[in-house]
Amino acid sequence: MASYVIGDVQGCFKQLQSLLIEIQFDPKLDELWFCGDLVARGPDSLATLRFIRSLGNKAKTVLGNHDLHFLACVYGFATTDPKDQLDELLQASDLPELVDWLQQQPLLHFEPERNLLLVHAGLAPGWGLQSALDTAAEVSQVLRETPETLFAVMYGNTPALWSEVKTNEDRWRFAINSCTRMRFCLSNGALELKEKRHPEKVSTLIPWYEFWKHRPHPQIFFGHWASLMGYSPVEGIYALDTGCVWGNCLTAYCIETAQRYSVSD
């Protein structure tokens, strides 16, 4: 059996199928881990969701910012952008089933036996692993049981520090921003949620993973940061978003062999 971690698909269903051929994926033996952002911007979010859902327990996925925004749109708390190409998905006959399935997916997937963690964006510097897991689980429970409660308070950039969290709503928003939106932080660990460039082009901010460089951490697999193109200098932290939806490639990483595979069409 092999486990493959796949970067942001974002509706690039054709490239996903090409990548599965490249890795010789066997659904009877192998499993796929998806870094989130299954939908939006690419041409075939509907086929992507249907396929990943059809894999059952052979697919593990976490939610990305585009996935959460799509759900918020379904529930009437946000509006779609035409460039997200979500009309076909929103008009699908099986939309309720797909929405229900997506709501069951977590912000974090952790396997303590292998000490592996899957997240879309990253782990905030102010967190320990257990506080991250506990807070993410709380968000997942609210998303499953009372999604309107979550979407009503999901959007916003504060609090930027875990130490500034005061309320349930603060805690949920901080978890969502850390797990699905963060790339850089300020020197004090505060989340910075706007900058998207490669770290070599940004001198005033610190990539989130640098804060974990000298701290015990599981092997962390993340997506979200396309400009990294798979680059992460911290041992045991792996970047998987290689910008497929922007005309680059879709990447898979085999956990057992540490081999990367990429396709561009």
Protein backbone atom coordinates (compact mmCIF):
# COMPACT_ATOMS: atom_id res chain seq x y z
CA MET A 1 0.00 0.00 0.00
CA ALA A 2 1.16 3.52 -0.77
CA SER A 3 -0.12 6.88 0.46
CA TYR A 4 0.11 9.83 -1.93
CA VAL A 5 -0.35 13.44 -0.83
CA ILE A 6 -1.74 15.61 -3.62
CA GLY A 7 -1.60 19.40 -3.81
CA ASP A 8 -4.43 21.81 -4.58
CA VAL A 9 -6.61 20.35 -7.36
CA GLN A 10 -8.99 23.33 -7.66
CA GLY A 11 -11.22 21.71 -10.23
CA CYS A 12 -8.38 20.50 -12.46
CA PHE A 13 -9.96 17.08 -12.93
CA LYS A 14 -8.13 16.23 -16.15
CA GLN A 15 -4.73 16.78 -14.56
CA LEU A 16 -5.79 14.79 -11.50
CA GLN A 17 -6.62 11.81 -13.67
CA SER A 18 -3.28 12.15 -15.49
CA LEU A 19 -1.47 12.26 -12.15
CA LEU A 20 -3.20 9.09 -10.96
CA ILE A 21 -2.03 7.33 -14.11
CA GLU A 22 1.50 8.63 -13.49
CA ILE A 23 1.60 7.21 -9.95
CA GLN A 24 -0.19 4.03 -11.05
CA PHE A 25 -2.83 4.56 -8.38
CA ASP A 26 -4.57 1.35 -7.31
CA PRO A 27 -7.77 2.14 -5.36
CA LYS A 28 -7.70 -1.34 -3.84
CA LEU A 29 -4.27 -0.84 -2.30
CA ASP A 30 -3.38 2.86 -2.21
CA GLU A 31 -4.82 5.95 -0.57
CA LEU A 32 -4.85 9.59 -1.58
CA TRP A 33 -4.43 12.54 0.75
CA PHE A 34 -5.71 15.86 -0.61
CA CYS A 35 -4.38 19.18 0.74
CA GLY A 36 -7.70 20.99 0.30
CA ASP A 37 -8.99 23.48 -2.26
CA LEU A 38 -10.65 20.73 -4.24
CA VAL A 39 -12.86 23.28 -5.99
CA ALA A 40 -12.81 26.72 -7.64
CA ARG A 41 -10.84 28.46 -10.39
CA GLY A 42 -10.35 25.28 -12.45
CA PRO A 43 -12.83 24.08 -15.11
CA ASP A 44 -14.28 20.95 -13.48
CA SER A 45 -15.01 21.26 -9.79
CA LEU A 46 -18.09 19.06 -10.11
CA ALA A 47 -16.23 16.06 -11.54
CA THR A 48 -13.45 16.57 -9.01
CA LEU A 49 -15.78 16.45 -6.02
CA ARG A 50 -17.75 13.52 -7.38
CA PHE A 51 -14.60 11.52 -8.00
CA ILE A 52 -12.94 12.17 -4.64
CA ARG A 53 -16.17 11.43 -2.81
CA SER A 54 -16.49 8.17 -4.74
CA LEU A 55 -13.14 6.99 -3.34
CA GLY A 56 -14.68 6.56 0.10
CA ASN A 57 -12.12 5.77 2.79
CA LYS A 58 -9.35 5.61 0.18
CA ALA A 59 -9.34 9.43 0.15
CA LYS A 60 -8.43 11.70 3.02
CA THR A 61 -8.95 15.40 2.52
CA VAL A 62 -8.85 18.59 4.53
CA LEU A 63 -10.75 21.76 3.76
CA GLY A 64 -9.14 24.71 2.04
CA ASN A 65 -10.24 28.33 1.90
CA HIS A 66 -11.94 27.82 -1.48
CA ASP A 67 -13.86 24.81 -0.17
CA LEU A 68 -15.11 26.76 2.83
CA HIS A 69 -16.04 29.76 0.67
CA PHE A 70 -18.01 27.46 -1.65
CA LEU A 71 -19.95 26.08 1.33
CA ALA A 72 -20.59 29.60 2.61
CA CYS A 73 -21.99 30.49 -0.82
CA VAL A 74 -24.32 27.48 -0.74
CA TYR A 75 -25.63 28.58 2.65
CA GLY A 76 -26.11 32.18 1.50
CA PHE A 77 -23.31 33.82 3.49
CA ALA A 78 -21.15 34.72 0.48
CA THR A 79 -21.42 35.15 -3.27
CA THR A 80 -19.56 33.32 -6.00
CA ASP A 81 -17.04 34.96 -8.29
CA PRO A 82 -17.45 34.09 -12.00
CA LYS A 83 -13.74 33.26 -12.21
CA ASP A 84 -14.30 30.44 -9.71
CA GLN A 85 -16.29 28.54 -12.37
CA LEU A 86 -18.70 27.02 -9.85
CA ASP A 87 -22.00 27.33 -11.75
CA GLU A 88 -22.05 23.71 -12.93
CA LEU A 89 -21.39 22.48 -9.41
CA LEU A 90 -24.03 24.74 -7.88
CA GLN A 91 -26.61 23.51 -10.39
CA ALA A 92 -25.78 19.82 -10.03
CA SER A 93 -28.59 17.41 -9.14
CA ASP A 94 -26.41 15.84 -6.44
CA LEU A 95 -25.36 19.16 -4.90
CA PRO A 96 -26.92 18.36 -1.49
CA GLU A 97 -24.97 15.10 -1.24
CA LEU A 98 -21.71 16.77 -2.28
CA VAL A 99 -22.22 19.62 0.18
CA ASP A 100 -22.98 17.19 2.98
CA TRP A 101 -19.84 15.20 2.18
CA LEU A 102 -17.68 18.32 2.08
CA GLN A 103 -19.03 19.45 5.45
CA GLN A 104 -17.77 16.20 6.98
CA GLN A 105 -14.17 16.91 5.99
CA PRO A 106 -11.85 18.28 8.70
CA LEU A 107 -9.45 21.22 8.87
CA LEU A 108 -6.69 18.86 10.03
CA HIS A 109 -6.04 15.17 9.44
CA PHE A 110 -3.60 13.64 11.92
CA GLU A 111 -2.31 10.10 12.10
CA PRO A 112 -0.51 9.70 15.43
CA GLU A 113 0.71 6.18 14.59
CA ARG A 114 2.80 7.55 11.72
CA ASN A 115 3.11 11.08 13.15
CA LEU A 116 1.70 12.63 9.95
CA LEU A 117 -0.39 15.79 9.68
CA LEU A 118 -2.30 17.10 6.66
CA VAL A 119 -3.43 20.75 6.52
CA HIS A 120 -4.28 23.17 3.75
CA ALA A 121 -2.27 26.24 4.81
CA GLY A 122 -0.32 25.65 8.01
CA LEU A 123 -0.10 25.68 11.80
CA ALA A 124 -0.03 28.99 13.64
CA PRO A 125 3.11 29.67 15.70
CA GLY A 126 1.04 30.29 18.82
CA TRP A 127 -0.36 26.78 18.78
CA GLY A 128 0.92 23.53 20.13
CA LEU A 129 -0.12 20.45 18.21
CA GLN A 130 -2.83 19.48 20.68
CA SER A 131 -4.38 22.96 20.77
CA ALA A 132 -4.44 22.92 16.96
CA LEU A 133 -6.15 19.53 16.87
CA ASP A 134 -8.67 20.46 19.56
CA THR A 135 -9.62 23.77 17.96
CA ALA A 136 -9.85 22.29 14.47
CA ALA A 137 -12.09 19.52 15.78
CA GLU A 138 -14.36 22.12 17.37
CA VAL A 139 -14.68 23.95 14.05
CA SER A 140 -15.48 20.68 12.29
CA GLN A 141 -18.24 19.90 14.77
CA VAL A 142 -19.86 23.30 14.28
CA LEU A 143 -19.55 22.95 10.50
CA ARG A 144 -21.34 19.60 10.60
CA GLU A 145 -24.06 20.49 13.09
CA THR A 146 -24.82 24.23 12.74
CA PRO A 147 -22.94 25.52 9.66
CA GLU A 148 -24.84 28.80 9.61
CA THR A 149 -23.36 29.63 13.02
CA LEU A 150 -19.87 29.20 11.61
CA PHE A 151 -20.34 30.99 8.31
CA ALA A 152 -21.87 34.01 10.05
CA VAL A 153 -18.53 34.69 11.78
CA MET A 154 -15.99 33.00 9.50
CA TYR A 155 -14.78 35.99 7.49
CA GLY A 156 -12.25 38.41 8.97
CA ASN A 157 -8.56 38.74 9.78
CA THR A 158 -8.73 38.97 13.56
CA PRO A 159 -7.61 37.84 16.02
CA ALA A 160 -4.13 37.53 14.56
CA LEU A 161 -2.61 35.97 17.68
CA TRP A 162 -3.79 32.89 19.57
CA SER A 163 -3.22 34.79 22.82
CA GLU A 164 -5.81 37.36 21.72
CA VAL A 165 -8.62 34.80 21.36
CA LYS A 166 -11.51 35.71 23.68
CA THR A 167 -14.66 34.03 22.36
CA ASN A 168 -15.81 30.91 20.54
CA GLU A 169 -16.11 32.96 17.38
CA ASP A 170 -12.54 34.21 17.77
CA ARG A 171 -11.32 30.66 18.21
CA TRP A 172 -13.13 29.36 15.13
CA ARG A 173 -11.94 32.23 12.94
CA PHE A 174 -8.36 31.92 14.14
CA ALA A 175 -8.38 28.18 13.39
CA ILE A 176 -9.83 28.71 9.92
CA ASN A 177 -7.36 31.48 9.12
CA SER A 178 -4.41 29.41 10.31
CA CYS A 179 -5.45 26.17 8.66
CA THR A 180 -6.75 27.56 5.37
CA ARG A 181 -5.41 31.09 4.70
CA MET A 182 -2.05 31.76 6.37
CA ARG A 183 1.28 31.90 4.56
CA PHE A 184 3.38 34.41 6.45
CA CYS A 185 3.49 35.70 10.00
CA LEU A 186 4.90 38.78 11.69
CA SER A 187 7.96 38.37 13.88
CA ASN A 188 5.75 37.98 16.96
CA GLY A 189 3.85 35.11 15.32
CA ALA A 190 0.78 37.14 14.35
CA LEU A 191 -0.93 35.83 11.23
CA GLU A 192 -0.43 37.86 8.03
CA LEU A 193 -3.14 36.97 5.54
CA LYS A 194 -2.49 39.02 2.39
CA GLU A 195 1.01 38.32 1.09
CA LYS A 196 1.25 35.47 -1.45
CA ARG A 197 4.69 35.82 -2.99
CA HIS A 198 7.69 33.53 -2.60
CA PRO A 199 9.63 34.20 0.64
CA GLU A 200 12.69 35.26 -1.34
CA LYS A 201 10.71 38.30 -2.49
CA VAL A 202 9.46 39.27 0.98
CA SER A 203 11.94 40.54 3.56
CA THR A 204 9.64 41.84 6.27
CA LEU A 205 7.61 38.69 7.01
CA ILE A 206 8.40 35.15 8.16
CA PRO A 207 6.95 32.00 6.54
CA TRP A 208 4.81 30.14 9.06
CA TYR A 209 6.89 26.97 8.80
CA GLU A 210 10.04 28.75 10.00
CA PHE A 211 8.46 29.04 13.45
CA TRP A 212 8.34 25.24 13.65
CA LYS A 213 11.95 24.74 12.59
CA HIS A 214 13.24 24.14 16.12
CA ARG A 215 10.04 22.79 17.66
CA PRO A 216 8.93 19.15 17.76
CA HIS A 217 6.33 18.60 15.07
CA PRO A 218 4.87 15.75 13.04
CA GLN A 219 5.61 15.46 9.37
CA ILE A 220 3.39 18.22 7.95
CA PHE A 221 1.98 18.22 4.43
CA PHE A 222 0.39 21.46 3.18
CA GLY A 223 -0.83 23.17 0.02
CA HIS A 224 -2.25 26.67 -0.53
CA TRP A 225 1.02 28.45 -1.36
CA ALA A 226 1.40 28.11 -5.13
CA SER A 227 4.35 30.48 -5.44
CA LEU A 228 6.47 28.08 -3.36
CA MET A 229 6.21 25.54 -6.19
CA GLY A 230 6.84 22.72 -3.73
CA TYR A 231 9.67 24.46 -1.87
CA SER A 232 9.96 24.16 1.91
CA PRO A 233 13.36 24.39 3.64
CA VAL A 234 12.22 22.99 6.99
CA GLU A 235 12.86 19.29 7.50
CA GLY A 236 9.67 17.29 7.81
CA ILE A 237 7.42 20.02 6.36
CA TYR A 238 6.36 19.46 2.74
CA ALA A 239 4.78 21.94 0.32
CA LEU A 240 2.53 20.33 -2.30
CA ASP A 241 0.75 23.17 -4.13
CA THR A 242 2.57 23.62 -7.45
CA GLY A 243 0.04 25.91 -9.11
CA CYS A 244 -1.81 23.55 -11.44
CA VAL A 245 -4.76 25.90 -11.80
CA TRP A 246 -2.35 28.69 -12.82
CA GLY A 247 -0.92 26.67 -15.70
CA ASN A 248 1.85 24.90 -13.81
CA CYS A 249 1.64 21.31 -12.55
CA LEU A 250 -0.22 19.06 -10.13
CA THR A 251 2.03 17.22 -7.70
CA ALA A 252 1.80 14.06 -5.60
CA TYR A 253 4.23 12.98 -2.87
CA CYS A 254 4.54 9.32 -1.88
CA ILE A 255 4.87 9.15 1.89
CA GLU A 256 6.53 5.74 1.86
CA THR A 257 9.21 6.47 -0.75
CA ALA A 258 9.54 10.29 -0.45
CA GLN A 259 9.24 10.49 -4.26
CA ARG A 260 7.45 13.34 -6.01
CA TYR A 261 5.42 13.04 -9.19
CA SER A 262 4.09 15.92 -11.28
CA VAL A 263 1.95 16.35 -14.40
CA SER A 264 1.01 19.48 -16.27
CA ASP A 265 -1.77 18.17 -18.52
